[in-house]
Amino acid sequence: NMETRPDANSNPITEGKSDGWRLIYCTGSEGEQLEFVQALGPVKQT
C-alpha cells in the first residue's frame, strides 16, 4: 500500500510570528483534497 510520510506534504513555517504553523495536504480515500492546519510552539501561544 502507498502511504504518505507525515512530513511529505506539509509546509512548516519555522520563523517569525507564524513560527510553529504547518499546513498539511492529503488526498482522501475518495480522491478529495484535504488540508489540515497545525499550530504548535510560538504560534500556539499567540
ModelCIF file with pLDDT and N, C-alpha, C, O atoms, coordinates in Angstrom:
data_MODEL
#
_entry.id   MODEL 
#
_entity.id                         1 
_entity.type                       polymer 
_entity.pdbx_number_of_molecules   1 
#
_entity_poly.entity_id                      1 
_entity_poly.type                           'polypeptide(L)' 
_entity_poly.nstd_linkage                   no 
_entity_poly.nstd_monomer                   no 
_entity_poly.pdbx_seq_one_letter_code       NMETRPDANSNPITEGKSDGWRLIYCTGSEGEQLEFVQALGPVKQT 
_entity_poly.pdbx_seq_one_letter_code_can   NMETRPDANSNPITEGKSDGWRLIYCTGSEGEQLEFVQALGPVKQT 
_entity_poly.pdbx_strand_id                 A 
#
loop_
_entity_poly_seq.entity_id 
_entity_poly_seq.num 
_entity_poly_seq.mon_id 
_entity_poly_seq.hetero 
1 1  ASN n 
1 2  MET n 
1 3  GLU n 
1 4  THR n 
1 5  ARG n 
1 6  PRO n 
1 7  ASP n 
1 8  ALA n 
1 9  ASN n 
1 10 SER n 
1 11 ASN n 
1 12 PRO n 
1 13 ILE n 
1 14 THR n 
1 15 GLU n 
1 16 GLY n 
1 17 LYS n 
1 18 SER n 
1 19 ASP n 
1 20 GLY n 
1 21 TRP n 
1 22 ARG n 
1 23 LEU n 
1 24 ILE n 
1 25 TYR n 
1 26 CYS n 
1 27 THR n 
1 28 GLY n 
1 29 SER n 
1 30 GLU n 
1 31 GLY n 
1 32 GLU n 
1 33 GLN n 
1 34 LEU n 
1 35 GLU n 
1 36 PHE n 
1 37 VAL n 
1 38 GLN n 
1 39 ALA n 
1 40 LEU n 
1 41 GLY n 
1 42 PRO n 
1 43 VAL n 
1 44 LYS n 
1 45 GLN n 
1 46 THR n 
#
_struct_asym.id          A 
_struct_asym.entity_id   1 
#
loop_
_ma_qa_metric.id 
_ma_qa_metric.mode 
_ma_qa_metric.name 
_ma_qa_metric.software_group_id 
_ma_qa_metric.type 
1 global pLDDT . pLDDT 
2 local  pLDDT . pLDDT 
#
_ma_qa_metric_global.metric_id      1 
_ma_qa_metric_global.metric_value   85.98 
_ma_qa_metric_global.model_id       1 
_ma_qa_metric_global.ordinal_id     1 
#
loop_
_ma_qa_metric_local.label_asym_id 
_ma_qa_metric_local.label_comp_id 
_ma_qa_metric_local.label_seq_id 
_ma_qa_metric_local.metric_id 
_ma_qa_metric_local.metric_value 
_ma_qa_metric_local.model_id 
_ma_qa_metric_local.ordinal_id 
A ASN 1  2 44.00 1 1  
A MET 2  2 48.00 1 2  
A GLU 3  2 54.00 1 3  
A THR 4  2 51.00 1 4  
A ARG 5  2 59.00 1 5  
A PRO 6  2 55.00 1 6  
A ASP 7  2 60.00 1 7  
A ALA 8  2 69.00 1 8  
A ASN 9  2 87.00 1 9  
A SER 10 2 90.00 1 10 
A ASN 11 2 92.00 1 11 
A PRO 12 2 93.00 1 12 
A ILE 13 2 93.00 1 13 
A THR 14 2 93.00 1 14 
A GLU 15 2 93.00 1 15 
A GLY 16 2 92.00 1 16 
A LYS 17 2 87.00 1 17 
A SER 18 2 92.00 1 18 
A ASP 19 2 95.00 1 19 
A GLY 20 2 95.00 1 20 
A TRP 21 2 95.00 1 21 
A ARG 22 2 94.00 1 22 
A LEU 23 2 94.00 1 23 
A ILE 24 2 93.00 1 24 
A TYR 25 2 93.00 1 25 
A CYS 26 2 91.00 1 26 
A THR 27 2 88.00 1 27 
A GLY 28 2 88.00 1 28 
A SER 29 2 88.00 1 29 
A GLU 30 2 90.00 1 30 
A GLY 31 2 89.00 1 31 
A GLU 32 2 92.00 1 32 
A GLN 33 2 92.00 1 33 
A LEU 34 2 93.00 1 34 
A GLU 35 2 94.00 1 35 
A PHE 36 2 94.00 1 36 
A VAL 37 2 94.00 1 37 
A GLN 38 2 94.00 1 38 
A ALA 39 2 94.00 1 39 
A LEU 40 2 94.00 1 40 
A GLY 41 2 94.00 1 41 
A PRO 42 2 95.00 1 42 
A VAL 43 2 96.00 1 43 
A LYS 44 2 95.00 1 44 
A GLN 45 2 95.00 1 45 
A THR 46 2 94.00 1 46 
#
loop_
_atom_site.group_PDB 
_atom_site.id 
_atom_site.type_symbol 
_atom_site.label_atom_id 
_atom_site.label_alt_id 
_atom_site.label_comp_id 
_atom_site.label_asym_id 
_atom_site.label_entity_id 
_atom_site.label_seq_id 
_atom_site.pdbx_PDB_ins_code 
_atom_site.Cartn_x 
_atom_site.Cartn_y 
_atom_site.Cartn_z 
_atom_site.occupancy 
_atom_site.B_iso_or_equiv 
_atom_site.pdbx_formal_charge 
_atom_site.auth_seq_id 
_atom_site.auth_comp_id 
_atom_site.auth_asym_id 
_atom_site.auth_atom_id 
_atom_site.pdbx_PDB_model_num 
ATOM 1   N N  . ASN A 1 1  ? 0.841   -1.193 0.000  1.00 44.00 ? 1  ASN A N  1 
ATOM 2   C CA . ASN A 1 1  ? 0.000   0.000  0.000  1.00 44.00 ? 1  ASN A CA 1 
ATOM 3   C C  . ASN A 1 1  ? 0.876   1.242  0.000  1.00 44.00 ? 1  ASN A C  1 
ATOM 4   O O  . ASN A 1 1  ? 1.951   1.260  0.599  1.00 44.00 ? 1  ASN A O  1 
ATOM 5   N N  . MET A 1 2  ? 0.406   2.271  -0.674 1.00 48.00 ? 2  MET A N  1 
ATOM 6   C CA . MET A 1 2  ? 1.144   3.530  -0.674 1.00 48.00 ? 2  MET A CA 1 
ATOM 7   C C  . MET A 1 2  ? 0.718   4.350  0.535  1.00 48.00 ? 2  MET A C  1 
ATOM 8   O O  . MET A 1 2  ? -0.475  4.473  0.815  1.00 48.00 ? 2  MET A O  1 
ATOM 9   N N  . GLU A 1 3  ? 1.658   4.894  1.231  1.00 54.00 ? 3  GLU A N  1 
ATOM 10  C CA . GLU A 1 3  ? 1.385   5.762  2.372  1.00 54.00 ? 3  GLU A CA 1 
ATOM 11  C C  . GLU A 1 3  ? 2.161   7.055  2.173  1.00 54.00 ? 3  GLU A C  1 
ATOM 12  O O  . GLU A 1 3  ? 3.230   7.057  1.563  1.00 54.00 ? 3  GLU A O  1 
ATOM 13  N N  . THR A 1 4  ? 1.630   8.135  2.682  1.00 51.00 ? 4  THR A N  1 
ATOM 14  C CA . THR A 1 4  ? 2.334   9.401  2.645  1.00 51.00 ? 4  THR A CA 1 
ATOM 15  C C  . THR A 1 4  ? 3.049   9.595  3.966  1.00 51.00 ? 4  THR A C  1 
ATOM 16  O O  . THR A 1 4  ? 2.449   9.450  5.030  1.00 51.00 ? 4  THR A O  1 
ATOM 17  N N  . ARG A 1 5  ? 4.314   9.917  3.902  1.00 59.00 ? 5  ARG A N  1 
ATOM 18  C CA . ARG A 1 5  ? 5.042   10.223 5.137  1.00 59.00 ? 5  ARG A CA 1 
ATOM 19  C C  . ARG A 1 5  ? 4.415   11.449 5.769  1.00 59.00 ? 5  ARG A C  1 
ATOM 20  O O  . ARG A 1 5  ? 3.964   12.343 5.054  1.00 59.00 ? 5  ARG A O  1 
ATOM 21  N N  . PRO A 1 6  ? 4.375   11.513 7.099  1.00 55.00 ? 6  PRO A N  1 
ATOM 22  C CA . PRO A 1 6  ? 3.746   12.653 7.776  1.00 55.00 ? 6  PRO A CA 1 
ATOM 23  C C  . PRO A 1 6  ? 4.296   14.008 7.351  1.00 55.00 ? 6  PRO A C  1 
ATOM 24  O O  . PRO A 1 6  ? 3.544   14.981 7.308  1.00 55.00 ? 6  PRO A O  1 
ATOM 25  N N  . ASP A 1 7  ? 5.581   14.100 7.036  1.00 60.00 ? 7  ASP A N  1 
ATOM 26  C CA . ASP A 1 7  ? 6.175   15.386 6.665  1.00 60.00 ? 7  ASP A CA 1 
ATOM 27  C C  . ASP A 1 7  ? 6.256   15.594 5.157  1.00 60.00 ? 7  ASP A C  1 
ATOM 28  O O  . ASP A 1 7  ? 6.765   16.622 4.711  1.00 60.00 ? 7  ASP A O  1 
ATOM 29  N N  . ALA A 1 8  ? 5.771   14.648 4.364  1.00 69.00 ? 8  ALA A N  1 
ATOM 30  C CA . ALA A 1 8  ? 5.975   14.706 2.923  1.00 69.00 ? 8  ALA A CA 1 
ATOM 31  C C  . ALA A 1 8  ? 5.161   15.790 2.239  1.00 69.00 ? 8  ALA A C  1 
ATOM 32  O O  . ALA A 1 8  ? 5.650   16.408 1.294  1.00 69.00 ? 8  ALA A O  1 
ATOM 33  N N  . ASN A 1 9  ? 3.953   16.039 2.676  1.00 87.00 ? 9  ASN A N  1 
ATOM 34  C CA . ASN A 1 9  ? 3.077   17.000 2.007  1.00 87.00 ? 9  ASN A CA 1 
ATOM 35  C C  . ASN A 1 9  ? 2.699   18.125 2.941  1.00 87.00 ? 9  ASN A C  1 
ATOM 36  O O  . ASN A 1 9  ? 1.520   18.440 3.099  1.00 87.00 ? 9  ASN A O  1 
ATOM 37  N N  . SER A 1 10 ? 3.692   18.728 3.557  1.00 90.00 ? 10 SER A N  1 
ATOM 38  C CA . SER A 1 10 ? 3.386   19.796 4.506  1.00 90.00 ? 10 SER A CA 1 
ATOM 39  C C  . SER A 1 10 ? 4.319   20.986 4.317  1.00 90.00 ? 10 SER A C  1 
ATOM 40  O O  . SER A 1 10 ? 5.438   20.856 3.821  1.00 90.00 ? 10 SER A O  1 
ATOM 41  N N  . ASN A 1 11 ? 3.824   22.139 4.727  1.00 92.00 ? 11 ASN A N  1 
ATOM 42  C CA . ASN A 1 11 ? 4.595   23.381 4.675  1.00 92.00 ? 11 ASN A CA 1 
ATOM 43  C C  . ASN A 1 11 ? 4.719   23.927 6.081  1.00 92.00 ? 11 ASN A C  1 
ATOM 44  O O  . ASN A 1 11 ? 3.808   24.604 6.559  1.00 92.00 ? 11 ASN A O  1 
ATOM 45  N N  . PRO A 1 12 ? 5.826   23.649 6.758  1.00 93.00 ? 12 PRO A N  1 
ATOM 46  C CA . PRO A 1 12 ? 6.009   24.238 8.087  1.00 93.00 ? 12 PRO A CA 1 
ATOM 47  C C  . PRO A 1 12 ? 6.603   25.639 7.988  1.00 93.00 ? 12 PRO A C  1 
ATOM 48  O O  . PRO A 1 12 ? 7.472   25.896 7.155  1.00 93.00 ? 12 PRO A O  1 
ATOM 49  N N  . ILE A 1 13 ? 6.135   26.531 8.831  1.00 93.00 ? 13 ILE A N  1 
ATOM 50  C CA . ILE A 1 13 ? 6.726   27.867 8.952  1.00 93.00 ? 13 ILE A CA 1 
ATOM 51  C C  . ILE A 1 13 ? 7.595   27.832 10.201 1.00 93.00 ? 13 ILE A C  1 
ATOM 52  O O  . ILE A 1 13 ? 7.130   27.469 11.281 1.00 93.00 ? 13 ILE A O  1 
ATOM 53  N N  . THR A 1 14 ? 8.855   28.210 10.047 1.00 93.00 ? 14 THR A N  1 
ATOM 54  C CA . THR A 1 14 ? 9.820   27.987 11.122 1.00 93.00 ? 14 THR A CA 1 
ATOM 55  C C  . THR A 1 14 ? 10.435  29.258 11.692 1.00 93.00 ? 14 THR A C  1 
ATOM 56  O O  . THR A 1 14 ? 11.371  29.186 12.489 1.00 93.00 ? 14 THR A O  1 
ATOM 57  N N  . GLU A 1 15 ? 9.921   30.423 11.295 1.00 93.00 ? 15 GLU A N  1 
ATOM 58  C CA . GLU A 1 15 ? 10.453  31.660 11.877 1.00 93.00 ? 15 GLU A CA 1 
ATOM 59  C C  . GLU A 1 15 ? 9.404   32.756 11.820 1.00 93.00 ? 15 GLU A C  1 
ATOM 60  O O  . GLU A 1 15 ? 8.405   32.633 11.111 1.00 93.00 ? 15 GLU A O  1 
ATOM 61  N N  . GLY A 1 16 ? 9.631   33.819 12.564 1.00 92.00 ? 16 GLY A N  1 
ATOM 62  C CA . GLY A 1 16 ? 8.710   34.941 12.593 1.00 92.00 ? 16 GLY A CA 1 
ATOM 63  C C  . GLY A 1 16 ? 7.489   34.684 13.463 1.00 92.00 ? 16 GLY A C  1 
ATOM 64  O O  . GLY A 1 16 ? 7.466   33.736 14.248 1.00 92.00 ? 16 GLY A O  1 
ATOM 65  N N  . LYS A 1 17 ? 6.470   35.537 13.319 1.00 87.00 ? 17 LYS A N  1 
ATOM 66  C CA . LYS A 1 17 ? 5.273   35.433 14.150 1.00 87.00 ? 17 LYS A CA 1 
ATOM 67  C C  . LYS A 1 17 ? 4.486   34.153 13.912 1.00 87.00 ? 17 LYS A C  1 
ATOM 68  O O  . LYS A 1 17 ? 3.705   33.739 14.768 1.00 87.00 ? 17 LYS A O  1 
ATOM 69  N N  . SER A 1 18 ? 4.682   33.523 12.760 1.00 92.00 ? 18 SER A N  1 
ATOM 70  C CA . SER A 1 18 ? 3.945   32.295 12.437 1.00 92.00 ? 18 SER A CA 1 
ATOM 71  C C  . SER A 1 18 ? 4.754   31.035 12.716 1.00 92.00 ? 18 SER A C  1 
ATOM 72  O O  . SER A 1 18 ? 4.366   29.949 12.288 1.00 92.00 ? 18 SER A O  1 
ATOM 73  N N  . ASP A 1 19 ? 5.880   31.162 13.430 1.00 95.00 ? 19 ASP A N  1 
ATOM 74  C CA . ASP A 1 19 ? 6.712   30.004 13.766 1.00 95.00 ? 19 ASP A CA 1 
ATOM 75  C C  . ASP A 1 19 ? 5.867   28.955 14.489 1.00 95.00 ? 19 ASP A C  1 
ATOM 76  O O  . ASP A 1 19 ? 5.269   29.242 15.526 1.00 95.00 ? 19 ASP A O  1 
ATOM 77  N N  . GLY A 1 20 ? 5.820   27.753 13.946 1.00 95.00 ? 20 GLY A N  1 
ATOM 78  C CA . GLY A 1 20 ? 5.044   26.670 14.535 1.00 95.00 ? 20 GLY A CA 1 
ATOM 79  C C  . GLY A 1 20 ? 3.790   26.326 13.738 1.00 95.00 ? 20 GLY A C  1 
ATOM 80  O O  . GLY A 1 20 ? 3.119   25.336 14.031 1.00 95.00 ? 20 GLY A O  1 
ATOM 81  N N  . TRP A 1 21 ? 3.473   27.132 12.738 1.00 95.00 ? 21 TRP A N  1 
ATOM 82  C CA . TRP A 1 21 ? 2.306   26.907 11.881 1.00 95.00 ? 21 TRP A CA 1 
ATOM 83  C C  . TRP A 1 21 ? 2.687   25.903 10.808 1.00 95.00 ? 21 TRP A C  1 
ATOM 84  O O  . TRP A 1 21 ? 3.767   26.010 10.227 1.00 95.00 ? 21 TRP A O  1 
ATOM 85  N N  . ARG A 1 22 ? 1.830   24.935 10.532 1.00 94.00 ? 22 ARG A N  1 
ATOM 86  C CA . ARG A 1 22 ? 2.107   23.944 9.491  1.00 94.00 ? 22 ARG A CA 1 
ATOM 87  C C  . ARG A 1 22 ? 0.816   23.657 8.734  1.00 94.00 ? 22 ARG A C  1 
ATOM 88  O O  . ARG A 1 22 ? -0.224  23.395 9.338  1.00 94.00 ? 22 ARG A O  1 
ATOM 89  N N  . LEU A 1 23 ? 0.892   23.707 7.411  1.00 94.00 ? 23 LEU A N  1 
ATOM 90  C CA . LEU A 1 23 ? -0.212  23.314 6.549  1.00 94.00 ? 23 LEU A CA 1 
ATOM 91  C C  . LEU A 1 23 ? 0.100   21.926 6.019  1.00 94.00 ? 23 LEU A C  1 
ATOM 92  O O  . LEU A 1 23 ? 1.194   21.681 5.510  1.00 94.00 ? 23 LEU A O  1 
ATOM 93  N N  . ILE A 1 24 ? -0.863  21.017 6.139  1.00 93.00 ? 24 ILE A N  1 
ATOM 94  C CA . ILE A 1 24 ? -0.652  19.631 5.746  1.00 93.00 ? 24 ILE A CA 1 
ATOM 95  C C  . ILE A 1 24 ? -1.693  19.281 4.680  1.00 93.00 ? 24 ILE A C  1 
ATOM 96  O O  . ILE A 1 24 ? -2.890  19.479 4.885  1.00 93.00 ? 24 ILE A O  1 
ATOM 97  N N  . TYR A 1 25 ? -1.232  18.763 3.551  1.00 93.00 ? 25 TYR A N  1 
ATOM 98  C CA . TYR A 1 25 ? -2.100  18.446 2.425  1.00 93.00 ? 25 TYR A CA 1 
ATOM 99  C C  . TYR A 1 25 ? -2.157  16.942 2.204  1.00 93.00 ? 25 TYR A C  1 
ATOM 100 O O  . TYR A 1 25 ? -1.132  16.262 2.237  1.00 93.00 ? 25 TYR A O  1 
ATOM 101 N N  . CYS A 1 26 ? -3.373  16.424 1.978  1.00 91.00 ? 26 CYS A N  1 
ATOM 102 C CA . CYS A 1 26 ? -3.567  14.997 1.773  1.00 91.00 ? 26 CYS A CA 1 
ATOM 103 C C  . CYS A 1 26 ? -4.656  14.778 0.723  1.00 91.00 ? 26 CYS A C  1 
ATOM 104 O O  . CYS A 1 26 ? -5.408  15.693 0.387  1.00 91.00 ? 26 CYS A O  1 
ATOM 105 N N  . THR A 1 27 ? -4.725  13.577 0.224  1.00 88.00 ? 27 THR A N  1 
ATOM 106 C CA . THR A 1 27 ? -5.829  13.155 -0.629 1.00 88.00 ? 27 THR A CA 1 
ATOM 107 C C  . THR A 1 27 ? -6.602  12.111 0.149  1.00 88.00 ? 27 THR A C  1 
ATOM 108 O O  . THR A 1 27 ? -6.031  11.139 0.644  1.00 88.00 ? 27 THR A O  1 
ATOM 109 N N  . GLY A 1 28 ? -7.921  12.320 0.255  1.00 88.00 ? 28 GLY A N  1 
ATOM 110 C CA . GLY A 1 28 ? -8.774  11.395 0.991  1.00 88.00 ? 28 GLY A CA 1 
ATOM 111 C C  . GLY A 1 28 ? -9.030  10.110 0.225  1.00 88.00 ? 28 GLY A C  1 
ATOM 112 O O  . GLY A 1 28 ? -8.602  9.966  -0.920 1.00 88.00 ? 28 GLY A O  1 
ATOM 113 N N  . SER A 1 29 ? -9.723  9.183  0.855  1.00 88.00 ? 29 SER A N  1 
ATOM 114 C CA . SER A 1 29 ? -9.981  7.865  0.273  1.00 88.00 ? 29 SER A CA 1 
ATOM 115 C C  . SER A 1 29 ? -10.834 7.921  -0.987 1.00 88.00 ? 29 SER A C  1 
ATOM 116 O O  . SER A 1 29 ? -10.813 6.984  -1.785 1.00 88.00 ? 29 SER A O  1 
ATOM 117 N N  . GLU A 1 30 ? -11.586 9.007  -1.180 1.00 90.00 ? 30 GLU A N  1 
ATOM 118 C CA . GLU A 1 30 ? -12.415 9.146  -2.374 1.00 90.00 ? 30 GLU A CA 1 
ATOM 119 C C  . GLU A 1 30 ? -11.836 10.174 -3.344 1.00 90.00 ? 30 GLU A C  1 
ATOM 120 O O  . GLU A 1 30 ? -12.541 10.671 -4.223 1.00 90.00 ? 30 GLU A O  1 
ATOM 121 N N  . GLY A 1 31 ? -10.556 10.489 -3.183 1.00 89.00 ? 31 GLY A N  1 
ATOM 122 C CA . GLY A 1 31 ? -9.872  11.404 -4.075 1.00 89.00 ? 31 GLY A CA 1 
ATOM 123 C C  . GLY A 1 31 ? -10.018 12.876 -3.720 1.00 89.00 ? 31 GLY A C  1 
ATOM 124 O O  . GLY A 1 31 ? -9.497  13.736 -4.431 1.00 89.00 ? 31 GLY A O  1 
ATOM 125 N N  . GLU A 1 32 ? -10.715 13.177 -2.638 1.00 92.00 ? 32 GLU A N  1 
ATOM 126 C CA . GLU A 1 32 ? -10.905 14.570 -2.247 1.00 92.00 ? 32 GLU A CA 1 
ATOM 127 C C  . GLU A 1 32 ? -9.613  15.150 -1.673 1.00 92.00 ? 32 GLU A C  1 
ATOM 128 O O  . GLU A 1 32 ? -8.821  14.441 -1.053 1.00 92.00 ? 32 GLU A O  1 
ATOM 129 N N  . GLN A 1 33 ? -9.416  16.441 -1.890 1.00 92.00 ? 33 GLN A N  1 
ATOM 130 C CA . GLN A 1 33 ? -8.239  17.125 -1.377 1.00 92.00 ? 33 GLN A CA 1 
ATOM 131 C C  . GLN A 1 33 ? -8.535  17.627 0.039  1.00 92.00 ? 33 GLN A C  1 
ATOM 132 O O  . GLN A 1 33 ? -9.546  18.289 0.271  1.00 92.00 ? 33 GLN A O  1 
ATOM 133 N N  . LEU A 1 34 ? -7.652  17.308 0.973  1.00 93.00 ? 34 LEU A N  1 
ATOM 134 C CA . LEU A 1 34 ? -7.813  17.699 2.369  1.00 93.00 ? 34 LEU A CA 1 
ATOM 135 C C  . LEU A 1 34 ? -6.661  18.610 2.771  1.00 93.00 ? 34 LEU A C  1 
ATOM 136 O O  . LEU A 1 34 ? -5.529  18.439 2.318  1.00 93.00 ? 34 LEU A O  1 
ATOM 137 N N  . GLU A 1 35 ? -6.964  19.575 3.622  1.00 94.00 ? 35 GLU A N  1 
ATOM 138 C CA . GLU A 1 35 ? -5.926  20.452 4.164  1.00 94.00 ? 35 GLU A CA 1 
ATOM 139 C C  . GLU A 1 35 ? -6.134  20.534 5.667  1.00 94.00 ? 35 GLU A C  1 
ATOM 140 O O  . GLU A 1 35 ? -7.237  20.814 6.135  1.00 94.00 ? 35 GLU A O  1 
ATOM 141 N N  . PHE A 1 36 ? -5.086  20.291 6.407  1.00 94.00 ? 36 PHE A N  1 
ATOM 142 C CA . PHE A 1 36 ? -5.121  20.389 7.864  1.00 94.00 ? 36 PHE A CA 1 
ATOM 143 C C  . PHE A 1 36 ? -4.172  21.500 8.288  1.00 94.00 ? 36 PHE A C  1 
ATOM 144 O O  . PHE A 1 36 ? -3.172  21.766 7.620  1.00 94.00 ? 36 PHE A O  1 
ATOM 145 N N  . VAL A 1 37 ? -4.491  22.138 9.391  1.00 94.00 ? 37 VAL A N  1 
ATOM 146 C CA . VAL A 1 37 ? -3.631  23.181 9.936  1.00 94.00 ? 37 VAL A CA 1 
ATOM 147 C C  . VAL A 1 37 ? -3.194  22.749 11.330 1.00 94.00 ? 37 VAL A C  1 
ATOM 148 O O  . VAL A 1 37 ? -4.018  22.321 12.138 1.00 94.00 ? 37 VAL A O  1 
ATOM 149 N N  . GLN A 1 38 ? -1.916  22.858 11.607 1.00 94.00 ? 38 GLN A N  1 
ATOM 150 C CA . GLN A 1 38 ? -1.364  22.525 12.916 1.00 94.00 ? 38 GLN A CA 1 
ATOM 151 C C  . GLN A 1 38 ? -0.698  23.783 13.467 1.00 94.00 ? 38 GLN A C  1 
ATOM 152 O O  . GLN A 1 38 ? 0.053   24.458 12.763 1.00 94.00 ? 38 GLN A O  1 
ATOM 153 N N  . ALA A 1 39 ? -0.976  24.087 14.717 1.00 94.00 ? 39 ALA A N  1 
ATOM 154 C CA . ALA A 1 39 ? -0.368  25.251 15.371 1.00 94.00 ? 39 ALA A CA 1 
ATOM 155 C C  . ALA A 1 39 ? 0.325   24.786 16.645 1.00 94.00 ? 39 ALA A C  1 
ATOM 156 O O  . ALA A 1 39 ? -0.328  24.346 17.591 1.00 94.00 ? 39 ALA A O  1 
ATOM 157 N N  . LEU A 1 40 ? 1.646   24.886 16.664 1.00 94.00 ? 40 LEU A N  1 
ATOM 158 C CA . LEU A 1 40 ? 2.453   24.443 17.803 1.00 94.00 ? 40 LEU A CA 1 
ATOM 159 C C  . LEU A 1 40 ? 3.430   25.544 18.194 1.00 94.00 ? 40 LEU A C  1 
ATOM 160 O O  . LEU A 1 40 ? 3.637   26.497 17.442 1.00 94.00 ? 40 LEU A O  1 
ATOM 161 N N  . GLY A 1 41 ? 4.018   25.412 19.352 1.00 94.00 ? 41 GLY A N  1 
ATOM 162 C CA . GLY A 1 41 ? 5.083   26.317 19.785 1.00 94.00 ? 41 GLY A CA 1 
ATOM 163 C C  . GLY A 1 41 ? 4.650   27.768 19.879 1.00 94.00 ? 41 GLY A C  1 
ATOM 164 O O  . GLY A 1 41 ? 3.590   28.065 20.430 1.00 94.00 ? 41 GLY A O  1 
ATOM 165 N N  . PRO A 1 42 ? 5.472   28.690 19.339 1.00 95.00 ? 42 PRO A N  1 
ATOM 166 C CA . PRO A 1 42 ? 5.197   30.122 19.476 1.00 95.00 ? 42 PRO A CA 1 
ATOM 167 C C  . PRO A 1 42 ? 3.851   30.544 18.898 1.00 95.00 ? 42 PRO A C  1 
ATOM 168 O O  . PRO A 1 42 ? 3.154   31.352 19.513 1.00 95.00 ? 42 PRO A O  1 
ATOM 169 N N  . VAL A 1 43 ? 3.468   30.028 17.746 1.00 96.00 ? 43 VAL A N  1 
ATOM 170 C CA . VAL A 1 43 ? 2.190   30.444 17.159 1.00 96.00 ? 43 VAL A CA 1 
ATOM 171 C C  . VAL A 1 43 ? 1.010   29.928 17.987 1.00 96.00 ? 43 VAL A C  1 
ATOM 172 O O  . VAL A 1 43 ? -0.030  30.583 18.043 1.00 96.00 ? 43 VAL A O  1 
ATOM 173 N N  . LYS A 1 44 ? 1.151   28.780 18.622 1.00 95.00 ? 44 LYS A N  1 
ATOM 174 C CA . LYS A 1 44 ? 0.086   28.277 19.504 1.00 95.00 ? 44 LYS A CA 1 
ATOM 175 C C  . LYS A 1 44 ? -0.085  29.222 20.694 1.00 95.00 ? 44 LYS A C  1 
ATOM 176 O O  . LYS A 1 44 ? -1.207  29.497 21.120 1.00 95.00 ? 44 LYS A O  1 
ATOM 177 N N  . GLN A 1 45 ? 1.030   29.714 21.224 1.00 95.00 ? 45 GLN A N  1 
ATOM 178 C CA . GLN A 1 45 ? 0.954   30.655 22.339 1.00 95.00 ? 45 GLN A CA 1 
ATOM 179 C C  . GLN A 1 45 ? 0.247   31.940 21.911 1.00 95.00 ? 45 GLN A C  1 
ATOM 180 O O  . GLN A 1 45 ? -0.517  32.516 22.685 1.00 95.00 ? 45 GLN A O  1 
ATOM 181 N N  . THR A 1 46 ? 0.499   32.390 20.686 1.00 94.00 ? 46 THR A N  1 
ATOM 182 C CA . THR A 1 46 ? -0.182  33.574 20.158 1.00 94.00 ? 46 THR A CA 1 
ATOM 183 C C  . THR A 1 46 ? -1.692  33.347 20.126 1.00 94.00 ? 46 THR A C  1 
ATOM 184 O O  . THR A 1 46 ? -2.440  34.233 19.712 1.00 94.00 ? 46 THR A O  1 
#
